[in-house]
PDB file of N, CA and C in Angstrom:
ATOM      1  N   UNK A   1     -38.808   7.719  19.596  1.00  0.00           N
ATOM      2  CA  UNK A   1     -38.151   8.630  19.020  1.00  0.00           C
ATOM      3  C   UNK A   1     -38.009   9.856  20.011  1.00  0.00           C
ATOM      4  N   UNK A   2     -36.876  10.482  20.088  1.00  0.00           N
ATOM      5  CA  UNK A   2     -36.505  11.576  21.126  1.00  0.00           C
ATOM      6  C   UNK A   2     -35.615  12.796  20.096  1.00  0.00           C
ATOM      7  N   UNK A   3     -36.302  13.880  20.411  1.00  0.00           N
ATOM      8  CA  UNK A   3     -35.433  14.904  19.635  1.00  0.00           C
ATOM      9  C   UNK A   3     -34.564  15.789  20.353  1.00  0.00           C
ATOM     10  N   UNK A   4     -33.284  15.763  20.332  1.00  0.00           N
ATOM     11  CA  UNK A   4     -32.033  16.216  21.021  1.00  0.00           C
ATOM     12  C   UNK A   4     -31.441  17.130  20.411  1.00  0.00           C
ATOM     13  N   UNK A   5     -31.007  18.592  20.885  1.00  0.00           N
ATOM     14  CA  UNK A   5     -30.029  19.532  20.193  1.00  0.00           C
ATOM     15  C   UNK A   5     -29.015  18.814  19.675  1.00  0.00           C
ATOM     16  N   UNK A   6     -28.570  19.052  18.447  1.00  0.00           N
ATOM     17  CA  UNK A   6     -27.156  18.833  17.986  1.00  0.00           C
ATOM     18  C   UNK A   6     -25.999  19.249  18.692  1.00  0.00           C
ATOM     19  N   UNK A   7     -26.121  20.350  19.535  1.00  0.00           N
ATOM     20  CA  UNK A   7     -25.282  20.773  20.545  1.00  0.00           C
ATOM     21  C   UNK A   7     -25.127  19.759  21.692  1.00  0.00           C
ATOM     22  N   UNK A   8     -26.260  19.206  22.098  1.00  0.00           N
ATOM     23  CA  UNK A   8     -26.222  18.188  23.222  1.00  0.00           C
ATOM     24  C   UNK A   8     -25.644  16.969  22.839  1.00  0.00           C
ATOM     25  N   UNK A   9     -25.532  16.672  21.449  1.00  0.00           N
ATOM     26  CA  UNK A   9     -24.796  15.586  20.767  1.00  0.00           C
ATOM     27  C   UNK A   9     -23.466  15.837  20.712  1.00  0.00           C
ATOM     28  N   UNK A  10     -23.315  16.860  20.196  1.00  0.00           N
ATOM     29  CA  UNK A  10     -21.575  17.279  20.459  1.00  0.00           C
ATOM     30  C   UNK A  10     -20.875  17.046  21.621  1.00  0.00           C
ATOM     31  N   UNK A  11     -21.591  17.714  22.491  1.00  0.00           N
ATOM     32  CA  UNK A  11     -20.979  17.794  23.990  1.00  0.00           C
ATOM     33  C   UNK A  11     -21.431  16.549  25.151  1.00  0.00           C
ATOM     34  N   UNK A  12     -22.322  15.817  24.861  1.00  0.00           N
ATOM     35  CA  UNK A  12     -22.889  14.970  25.630  1.00  0.00           C
ATOM     36  C   UNK A  12     -23.813  15.570  26.733  1.00  0.00           C
ATOM     37  N   UNK A  13     -24.769  14.740  27.083  1.00  0.00           N
ATOM     38  CA  UNK A  13     -25.845  15.099  27.826  1.00  0.00           C
ATOM     39  C   UNK A  13     -26.526  13.890  28.888  1.00  0.00           C
ATOM     40  N   UNK A  14     -27.765  14.155  29.391  1.00  0.00           N
ATOM     41  CA  UNK A  14     -28.402  13.139  30.060  1.00  0.00           C
ATOM     42  C   UNK A  14     -30.087  13.733  29.764  1.00  0.00           C
ATOM     43  N   UNK A  15     -30.896  13.387  29.853  1.00  0.00           N
ATOM     44  CA  UNK A  15     -32.245  13.522  29.691  1.00  0.00           C
ATOM     45  C   UNK A  15     -32.874  12.472  30.386  1.00  0.00           C
ATOM     46  N   UNK A  16     -34.490  12.902  30.831  1.00  0.00           N
ATOM     47  CA  UNK A  16     -35.224  11.972  31.733  1.00  0.00           C
ATOM     48  C   UNK A  16     -36.094  11.366  30.370  1.00  0.00           C
ATOM     49  N   UNK A  17     -36.205  10.034  30.314  1.00  0.00           N
ATOM     50  CA  UNK A  17     -37.093   9.467  29.198  1.00  0.00           C
ATOM     51  C   UNK A  17     -38.325   8.415  30.118  1.00  0.00           C
ATOM     52  N   UNK A  18     -39.238   8.566  29.639  1.00  0.00           N
ATOM     53  CA  UNK A  18     -40.576   7.974  30.212  1.00  0.00           C
ATOM     54  C   UNK A  18     -40.810   6.483  29.326  1.00  0.00           C
ATOM     55  N   UNK A  19     -40.532   5.219  29.876  1.00  0.00           N
ATOM     56  CA  UNK A  19     -40.591   3.844  29.110  1.00  0.00           C
ATOM     57  C   UNK A  19     -42.339   3.781  28.668  1.00  0.00           C
ATOM     58  N   UNK A  20     -42.287   2.743  27.699  1.00  0.00           N
ATOM     59  CA  UNK A  20     -43.713   2.427  27.574  1.00  0.00           C
ATOM     60  C   UNK A  20     -44.460   1.858  28.644  1.00  0.00           C
ATOM     61  N   UNK A  21     -43.913   1.808  29.919  1.00  0.00           N
ATOM     62  CA  UNK A  21     -44.539   1.092  31.203  1.00  0.00           C
ATOM     63  C   UNK A  21     -44.635   1.844  32.452  1.00  0.00           C
ATOM     64  N   UNK A  22     -44.100   3.343  31.686  1.00  0.00           N
ATOM     65  CA  UNK A  22     -44.179   4.308  32.573  1.00  0.00           C
ATOM     66  C   UNK A  22     -42.935   4.778  33.490  1.00  0.00           C
ATOM     67  N   UNK A  23     -42.027   3.872  33.417  1.00  0.00           N
ATOM     68  CA  UNK A  23     -40.862   4.114  34.441  1.00  0.00           C
ATOM     69  C   UNK A  23     -40.246   5.324  33.603  1.00  0.00           C
ATOM     70  N   UNK A  24     -39.576   6.423  34.497  1.00  0.00           N
ATOM     71  CA  UNK A  24     -39.031   7.410  34.212  1.00  0.00           C
ATOM     72  C   UNK A  24     -37.330   6.961  34.534  1.00  0.00           C
ATOM     73  N   UNK A  25     -36.610   6.913  33.393  1.00  0.00           N
ATOM     74  CA  UNK A  25     -35.250   6.646  33.380  1.00  0.00           C
ATOM     75  C   UNK A  25     -34.362   7.921  33.113  1.00  0.00           C
ATOM     76  N   UNK A  26     -33.299   8.064  33.733  1.00  0.00           N
ATOM     77  CA  UNK A  26     -32.185   8.865  33.428  1.00  0.00           C
ATOM     78  C   UNK A  26     -31.223   8.219  31.846  1.00  0.00           C
ATOM     79  N   UNK A  27     -30.978   9.035  31.090  1.00  0.00           N
ATOM     80  CA  UNK A  27     -30.604   8.114  29.806  1.00  0.00           C
ATOM     81  C   UNK A  27     -29.470   9.190  29.340  1.00  0.00           C
ATOM     82  N   UNK A  28     -28.305   8.530  29.449  1.00  0.00           N
ATOM     83  CA  UNK A  28     -26.958   9.515  29.261  1.00  0.00           C
ATOM     84  C   UNK A  28     -26.793   9.378  27.902  1.00  0.00           C
ATOM     85  N   UNK A  29     -26.223  10.472  27.021  1.00  0.00           N
ATOM     86  CA  UNK A  29     -25.988  10.657  25.764  1.00  0.00           C
ATOM     87  C   UNK A  29     -24.015  10.892  25.766  1.00  0.00           C
ATOM     88  N   UNK A  30     -23.349  10.290  25.252  1.00  0.00           N
ATOM     89  CA  UNK A  30     -22.031  10.538  25.211  1.00  0.00           C
ATOM     90  C   UNK A  30     -21.566  11.679  24.013  1.00  0.00           C
ATOM     91  N   UNK A  31     -20.624  12.314  24.486  1.00  0.00           N
ATOM     92  CA  UNK A  31     -20.097  13.594  23.809  1.00  0.00           C
ATOM     93  C   UNK A  31     -19.655  12.702  22.343  1.00  0.00           C
ATOM     94  N   UNK A  32     -20.025  13.567  21.152  1.00  0.00           N
ATOM     95  CA  UNK A  32     -19.946  12.935  20.039  1.00  0.00           C
ATOM     96  C   UNK A  32     -20.545  12.054  19.217  1.00  0.00           C
ATOM     97  N   UNK A  33     -21.888  11.917  19.711  1.00  0.00           N
ATOM     98  CA  UNK A  33     -22.921  10.830  19.444  1.00  0.00           C
ATOM     99  C   UNK A  33     -23.719  11.674  18.459  1.00  0.00           C
ATOM    100  N   UNK A  34     -23.992  10.748  17.106  1.00  0.00           N
ATOM    101  CA  UNK A  34     -24.209  11.066  15.827  1.00  0.00           C
ATOM    102  C   UNK A  34     -25.646  11.287  15.754  1.00  0.00           C
ATOM    103  N   UNK A  35     -26.530  12.118  15.041  1.00  0.00           N
ATOM    104  CA  UNK A  35     -27.770  12.111  14.897  1.00  0.00           C
ATOM    105  C   UNK A  35     -28.328  10.589  14.463  1.00  0.00           C
ATOM    106  N   UNK A  36     -29.394  10.399  14.682  1.00  0.00           N
ATOM    107  CA  UNK A  36     -29.853   8.776  14.244  1.00  0.00           C
ATOM    108  C   UNK A  36     -29.553   7.289  14.871  1.00  0.00           C
ATOM    109  N   UNK A  37     -28.511   8.022  16.191  1.00  0.00           N
ATOM    110  CA  UNK A  37     -28.171   6.819  16.847  1.00  0.00           C
ATOM    111  C   UNK A  37     -29.204   6.336  17.895  1.00  0.00           C
ATOM    112  N   UNK A  38     -29.481   5.245  17.955  1.00  0.00           N
ATOM    113  CA  UNK A  38     -30.415   4.535  18.848  1.00  0.00           C
ATOM    114  C   UNK A  38     -29.719   3.812  19.972  1.00  0.00           C
ATOM    115  N   UNK A  39     -30.622   4.188  21.314  1.00  0.00           N
ATOM    116  CA  UNK A  39     -30.105   3.486  22.463  1.00  0.00           C
ATOM    117  C   UNK A  39     -31.110   2.849  23.162  1.00  0.00           C
ATOM    118  N   UNK A  40     -30.475   1.449  23.342  1.00  0.00           N
ATOM    119  CA  UNK A  40     -31.394   0.559  23.738  1.00  0.00           C
ATOM    120  C   UNK A  40     -31.399   0.288  25.433  1.00  0.00           C
ATOM    121  N   UNK A  41     -32.918   0.449  25.908  1.00  0.00           N
ATOM    122  CA  UNK A  41     -32.910   0.217  27.187  1.00  0.00           C
ATOM    123  C   UNK A  41     -33.287  -1.280  27.656  1.00  0.00           C
ATOM    124  N   UNK A  42     -32.216  -2.443  27.960  1.00  0.00           N
ATOM    125  CA  UNK A  42     -32.443  -3.480  27.980  1.00  0.00           C
ATOM    126  C   UNK A  42     -33.830  -3.817  29.307  1.00  0.00           C
ATOM    127  N   UNK A  43     -34.528  -4.619  28.703  1.00  0.00           N
ATOM    128  CA  UNK A  43     -36.036  -4.979  29.074  1.00  0.00           C
ATOM    129  C   UNK A  43     -36.908  -4.045  29.731  1.00  0.00           C
ATOM    130  N   UNK A  44     -36.742  -2.877  28.948  1.00  0.00           N
ATOM    131  CA  UNK A  44     -37.981  -1.478  29.527  1.00  0.00           C
ATOM    132  C   UNK A  44     -38.838  -1.834  28.494  1.00  0.00           C
ATOM    133  N   UNK A  45     -39.057  -2.613  27.490  1.00  0.00           N
ATOM    134  CA  UNK A  45     -40.069  -2.594  26.370  1.00  0.00           C
ATOM    135  C   UNK A  45     -41.258  -3.479  26.766  1.00  0.00           C
ATOM    136  N   UNK A  46     -41.632  -3.923  25.736  1.00  0.00           N
ATOM    137  CA  UNK A  46     -43.091  -4.700  25.778  1.00  0.00           C
ATOM    138  C   UNK A  46     -43.095  -6.170  26.504  1.00  0.00           C
ATOM    139  N   UNK A  47     -43.942  -6.458  27.210  1.00  0.00           N
ATOM    140  CA  UNK A  47     -44.035  -7.629  27.745  1.00  0.00           C
ATOM    141  C   UNK A  47     -43.873  -8.832  26.855  1.00  0.00           C
ATOM    142  N   UNK A  48     -43.068  -9.922  27.080  1.00  0.00           N
ATOM    143  CA  UNK A  48     -42.892 -11.140  26.235  1.00  0.00           C
ATOM    144  C   UNK A  48     -44.043 -11.702  26.579  1.00  0.00           C
ATOM    145  N   UNK A  49     -44.848 -12.623  25.452  1.00  0.00           N
ATOM    146  CA  UNK A  49     -45.946 -13.662  25.627  1.00  0.00           C
ATOM    147  C   UNK A  49     -45.249 -14.882  26.518  1.00  0.00           C
ATOM    148  N   UNK A  50     -46.134 -15.311  27.112  1.00  0.00           N
ATOM    149  CA  UNK A  50     -45.904 -16.783  27.707  1.00  0.00           C
ATOM    150  C   UNK A  50     -46.445 -17.664  26.954  1.00  0.00           C
ATOM    151  N   UNK A  51     -45.774 -18.834  26.678  1.00  0.00           N
ATOM    152  CA  UNK A  51     -46.137 -19.800  25.801  1.00  0.00           C
ATOM    153  C   UNK A  51     -47.330 -20.481  26.404  1.00  0.00           C
ATOM    154  N   UNK A  52     -47.772 -20.503  27.647  1.00  0.00           N
ATOM    155  CA  UNK A  52     -48.983 -21.399  28.221  1.00  0.00           C
ATOM    156  C   UNK A  52     -50.028 -20.580  27.566  1.00  0.00           C
ATOM    157  N   UNK A  53     -50.058 -19.599  27.139  1.00  0.00           N
ATOM    158  CA  UNK A  53     -51.317 -18.445  26.389  1.00  0.00           C
ATOM    159  C   UNK A  53     -51.507 -17.126  27.187  1.00  0.00           C
ATOM    160  N   UNK A  54     -52.329 -16.421  26.821  1.00  0.00           N
ATOM    161  CA  UNK A  54     -52.498 -14.902  27.211  1.00  0.00           C
ATOM    162  C   UNK A  54     -52.869 -14.917  28.783  1.00  0.00           C
ATOM    163  N   UNK A  55     -53.416 -15.893  29.132  1.00  0.00           N
ATOM    164  CA  UNK A  55     -53.883 -15.705  30.626  1.00  0.00           C
ATOM    165  C   UNK A  55     -52.449 -15.984  31.530  1.00  0.00           C
ATOM    166  N   UNK A  56     -51.280 -16.189  31.026  1.00  0.00           N
ATOM    167  CA  UNK A  56     -50.231 -16.371  31.764  1.00  0.00           C
ATOM    168  C   UNK A  56     -49.149 -15.231  31.441  1.00  0.00           C
ATOM    169  N   UNK A  57     -48.379 -14.729  32.277  1.00  0.00           N
ATOM    170  CA  UNK A  57     -47.310 -13.892  31.914  1.00  0.00           C
ATOM    171  C   UNK A  57     -46.128 -14.454  32.136  1.00  0.00           C
ATOM    172  N   UNK A  58     -45.105 -14.040  31.315  1.00  0.00           N
ATOM    173  CA  UNK A  58     -43.551 -14.588  31.561  1.00  0.00           C
ATOM    174  C   UNK A  58     -42.831 -13.902  32.384  1.00  0.00           C
ATOM    175  N   UNK A  59     -43.059 -12.665  32.693  1.00  0.00           N
ATOM    176  CA  UNK A  59     -42.059 -12.117  33.617  1.00  0.00           C
ATOM    177  C   UNK A  59     -41.062 -11.053  32.865  1.00  0.00           C
ATOM    178  N   UNK A  60     -41.086 -11.360  31.406  1.00  0.00           N
ATOM    179  CA  UNK A  60     -39.693 -11.041  30.899  1.00  0.00           C
ATOM    180  C   UNK A  60     -40.431  -9.826  29.737  1.00  0.00           C
ATOM    181  N   UNK A  61     -39.654  -8.943  29.775  1.00  0.00           N
ATOM    182  CA  UNK A  61     -39.671  -7.997  28.830  1.00  0.00           C
ATOM    183  C   UNK A  61     -38.732  -7.750  27.508  1.00  0.00           C
ATOM    184  N   UNK A  62     -38.989  -7.011  26.789  1.00  0.00           N
ATOM    185  CA  UNK A  62     -38.224  -6.766  25.372  1.00  0.00           C
ATOM    186  C   UNK A  62     -37.552  -5.428  25.891  1.00  0.00           C
ATOM    187  N   UNK A  63     -36.585  -5.294  24.723  1.00  0.00           N
ATOM    188  CA  UNK A  63     -35.800  -3.955  25.027  1.00  0.00           C
ATOM    189  C   UNK A  63     -36.726  -2.673  24.090  1.00  0.00           C
ATOM    190  N   UNK A  64     -36.808  -1.733  24.930  1.00  0.00           N
ATOM    191  CA  UNK A  64     -37.094  -0.612  24.263  1.00  0.00           C
ATOM    192  C   UNK A  64     -35.969   0.503  23.789  1.00  0.00           C
ATOM    193  N   UNK A  65     -36.298   0.984  22.752  1.00  0.00           N
ATOM    194  CA  UNK A  65     -35.050   1.633  21.727  1.00  0.00           C
ATOM    195  C   UNK A  65     -35.604   2.981  21.233  1.00  0.00           C
ATOM    196  N   UNK A  66     -34.598   4.033  21.835  1.00  0.00           N
ATOM    197  CA  UNK A  66     -34.703   5.322  21.511  1.00  0.00           C
ATOM    198  C   UNK A  66     -33.877   5.929  20.463  1.00  0.00           C
ATOM    199  N   UNK A  67     -34.751   6.456  19.084  1.00  0.00           N
ATOM    200  CA  UNK A  67     -33.843   7.013  17.989  1.00  0.00           C
ATOM    201  C   UNK A  67     -33.835   8.405  18.486  1.00  0.00           C
ATOM    202  N   UNK A  68     -32.568   8.731  18.247  1.00  0.00           N
ATOM    203  CA  UNK A  68     -31.956  10.266  18.816  1.00  0.00           C
ATOM    204  C   UNK A  68     -32.276  11.131  17.361  1.00  0.00           C
ATOM    205  N   UNK A  69     -33.216  11.779  17.193  1.00  0.00           N
ATOM    206  CA  UNK A  69     -33.419  12.990  16.278  1.00  0.00           C
ATOM    207  C   UNK A  69     -32.432  14.395  16.610  1.00  0.00           C
ATOM    208  N   UNK A  70     -31.571  14.326  15.827  1.00  0.00           N
ATOM    209  CA  UNK A  70     -30.630  15.514  16.046  1.00  0.00           C
ATOM    210  C   UNK A  70     -31.312  16.858  15.682  1.00  0.00           C
ATOM    211  N   UNK A  71     -31.434  17.845  16.305  1.00  0.00           N
ATOM    212  CA  UNK A  71     -32.327  18.879  15.662  1.00  0.00           C
ATOM    213  C   UNK A  71     -31.314  20.090  16.119  1.00  0.00           C
ATOM    214  N   UNK A  72     -31.242  21.220  15.153  1.00  0.00           N
ATOM    215  CA  UNK A  72     -30.678  22.748  15.577  1.00  0.00           C
ATOM    216  C   UNK A  72     -31.441  23.645  16.190  1.00  0.00           C
ATOM    217  N   UNK A  73     -31.220  24.185  17.222  1.00  0.00           N
ATOM    218  CA  UNK A  73     -31.907  25.005  18.013  1.00  0.00           C
ATOM    219  C   UNK A  73     -32.449  26.288  17.364  1.00  0.00           C
ATOM    220  N   UNK A  74     -33.729  26.773  17.514  1.00  0.00           N
ATOM    221  CA  UNK A  74     -33.901  27.781  16.979  1.00  0.00           C
ATOM    222  C   UNK A  74     -32.998  29.113  17.249  1.00  0.00           C
ATOM    223  N   UNK A  75     -32.555  29.194  18.247  1.00  0.00           N
ATOM    224  CA  UNK A  75     -32.095  30.344  18.480  1.00  0.00           C
ATOM    225  C   UNK A  75     -30.251  29.777  19.161  1.00  0.00           C
ATOM    226  N   UNK A  76     -29.249  30.280  18.816  1.00  0.00           N
ATOM    227  CA  UNK A  76     -27.990  30.069  19.059  1.00  0.00           C
ATOM    228  C   UNK A  76     -27.215  31.603  19.018  1.00  0.00           C
ATOM    229  N   UNK A  77     -26.848  31.550  20.584  1.00  0.00           N
ATOM    230  CA  UNK A  77     -25.835  32.804  20.749  1.00  0.00           C
ATOM    231  C   UNK A  77     -24.953  32.776  19.656  1.00  0.00           C
ATOM    232  N   UNK A  78     -24.498  34.228  19.144  1.00  0.00           N
ATOM    233  CA  UNK A  78     -23.789  34.544  18.263  1.00  0.00           C
ATOM    234  C   UNK A  78     -22.171  34.218  18.689  1.00  0.00           C
ATOM    235  N   UNK A  79     -21.897  34.123  19.678  1.00  0.00           N
ATOM    236  CA  UNK A  79     -20.664  33.544  20.319  1.00  0.00           C
ATOM    237  C   UNK A  79     -20.644  32.189  20.229  1.00  0.00           C
ATOM    238  N   UNK A  80     -21.314  31.379  20.350  1.00  0.00           N
ATOM    239  CA  UNK A  80     -21.436  30.008  19.975  1.00  0.00           C
ATOM    240  C   UNK A  80     -21.382  29.781  18.375  1.00  0.00           C
ATOM    241  N   UNK A  81     -22.109  30.766  17.535  1.00  0.00           N
ATOM    242  CA  UNK A  81     -21.964  30.579  16.193  1.00  0.00           C
ATOM    243  C   UNK A  81     -20.452  30.907  15.613  1.00  0.00           C
ATOM    244  N   UNK A  82     -19.740  32.102  16.151  1.00  0.00           N
ATOM    245  CA  UNK A  82     -18.576  32.091  15.867  1.00  0.00           C
ATOM    246  C   UNK A  82     -17.454  31.069  16.351  1.00  0.00           C
ATOM    247  N   UNK A  83     -17.841  30.454  17.499  1.00  0.00           N
ATOM    248  CA  UNK A  83     -17.044  29.348  17.868  1.00  0.00           C
ATOM    249  C   UNK A  83     -16.893  28.226  16.864  1.00  0.00           C
ATOM    250  N   UNK A  84     -18.328  28.024  16.308  1.00  0.00           N
ATOM    251  CA  UNK A  84     -18.440  26.743  15.486  1.00  0.00           C
ATOM    252  C   UNK A  84     -17.638  27.222  14.279  1.00  0.00           C
ATOM    253  N   UNK A  85     -17.928  28.439  13.716  1.00  0.00           N
ATOM    254  CA  UNK A  85     -17.012  28.653  12.401  1.00  0.00           C
ATOM    255  C   UNK A  85     -15.602  28.514  12.718  1.00  0.00           C
ATOM    256  N   UNK A  86     -15.139  29.248  13.699  1.00  0.00           N
ATOM    257  CA  UNK A  86     -13.592  28.785  13.964  1.00  0.00           C
ATOM    258  C   UNK A  86     -13.042  27.309  13.753  1.00  0.00           C
ATOM    259  N   UNK A  87     -14.046  26.589  14.410  1.00  0.00           N
ATOM    260  CA  UNK A  87     -13.774  25.390  14.555  1.00  0.00           C
ATOM    261  C   UNK A  87     -13.643  24.664  13.324  1.00  0.00           C
ATOM    262  N   UNK A  88     -14.663  24.980  12.399  1.00  0.00           N
ATOM    263  CA  UNK A  88     -14.710  24.487  10.932  1.00  0.00           C
ATOM    264  C   UNK A  88     -13.778  25.220  10.138  1.00  0.00           C
ATOM    265  N   UNK A  89     -13.239  26.242  10.310  1.00  0.00           N
ATOM    266  CA  UNK A  89     -12.289  26.850   9.495  1.00  0.00           C
ATOM    267  C   UNK A  89     -10.782  26.010  10.030  1.00  0.00           C
ATOM    268  N   UNK A  90     -10.598  25.655  10.782  1.00  0.00           N
ATOM    269  CA  UNK A  90      -9.493  24.783  11.361  1.00  0.00           C
ATOM    270  C   UNK A  90      -9.478  23.243  10.797  1.00  0.00           C
ATOM    271  N   UNK A  91     -10.633  22.831  10.797  1.00  0.00           N
ATOM    272  CA  UNK A  91     -11.072  21.289  10.082  1.00  0.00           C
ATOM    273  C   UNK A  91     -10.690  21.584   8.543  1.00  0.00           C
ATOM    274  N   UNK A  92     -11.321  22.722   7.989  1.00  0.00           N
ATOM    275  CA  UNK A  92     -11.382  22.749   6.644  1.00  0.00           C
ATOM    276  C   UNK A  92      -9.635  22.918   6.304  1.00  0.00           C
ATOM    277  N   UNK A  93      -8.851  23.796   7.009  1.00  0.00           N
ATOM    278  CA  UNK A  93      -7.533  23.636   6.698  1.00  0.00           C
ATOM    279  C   UNK A  93      -6.786  22.356   6.883  1.00  0.00           C
ATOM    280  N   UNK A  94      -7.331  21.550   7.874  1.00  0.00           N
ATOM    281  CA  UNK A  94      -6.438  20.251   8.314  1.00  0.00           C
ATOM    282  C   UNK A  94      -6.503  19.242   7.037  1.00  0.00           C
ATOM    283  N   UNK A  95      -8.034  19.563   6.365  1.00  0.00           N
ATOM    284  CA  UNK A  95      -8.137  18.554   5.265  1.00  0.00           C
ATOM    285  C   UNK A  95      -7.649  18.763   3.781  1.00  0.00           C
ATOM    286  N   UNK A  96      -7.247  20.364   3.716  1.00  0.00           N
ATOM    287  CA  UNK A  96      -6.350  20.793   2.651  1.00  0.00           C
ATOM    288  C   UNK A  96      -5.006  20.832   2.731  1.00  0.00           C
TER     289      UNK A  96
END
């Protein structure tokens, strides 16, 4: 799970993410991404067991999944709120 501002989901962003193996990867989030979206980091997850037994490693890894939890920032500048209201009003007019 990764908490991310809904503002970042709207405009897009990138962030550093530490995988379960300790690697730090830069993850990009496209503009318009919905809260609850999953991002798959291929072959960055748990090691895959080898059929020969626990003393052998396969060298393969599963995928790590990041779930984006959209959060509303505690403090939003009034200018941003005004812009969002203006955009919402325009969208409301288009729907009617």
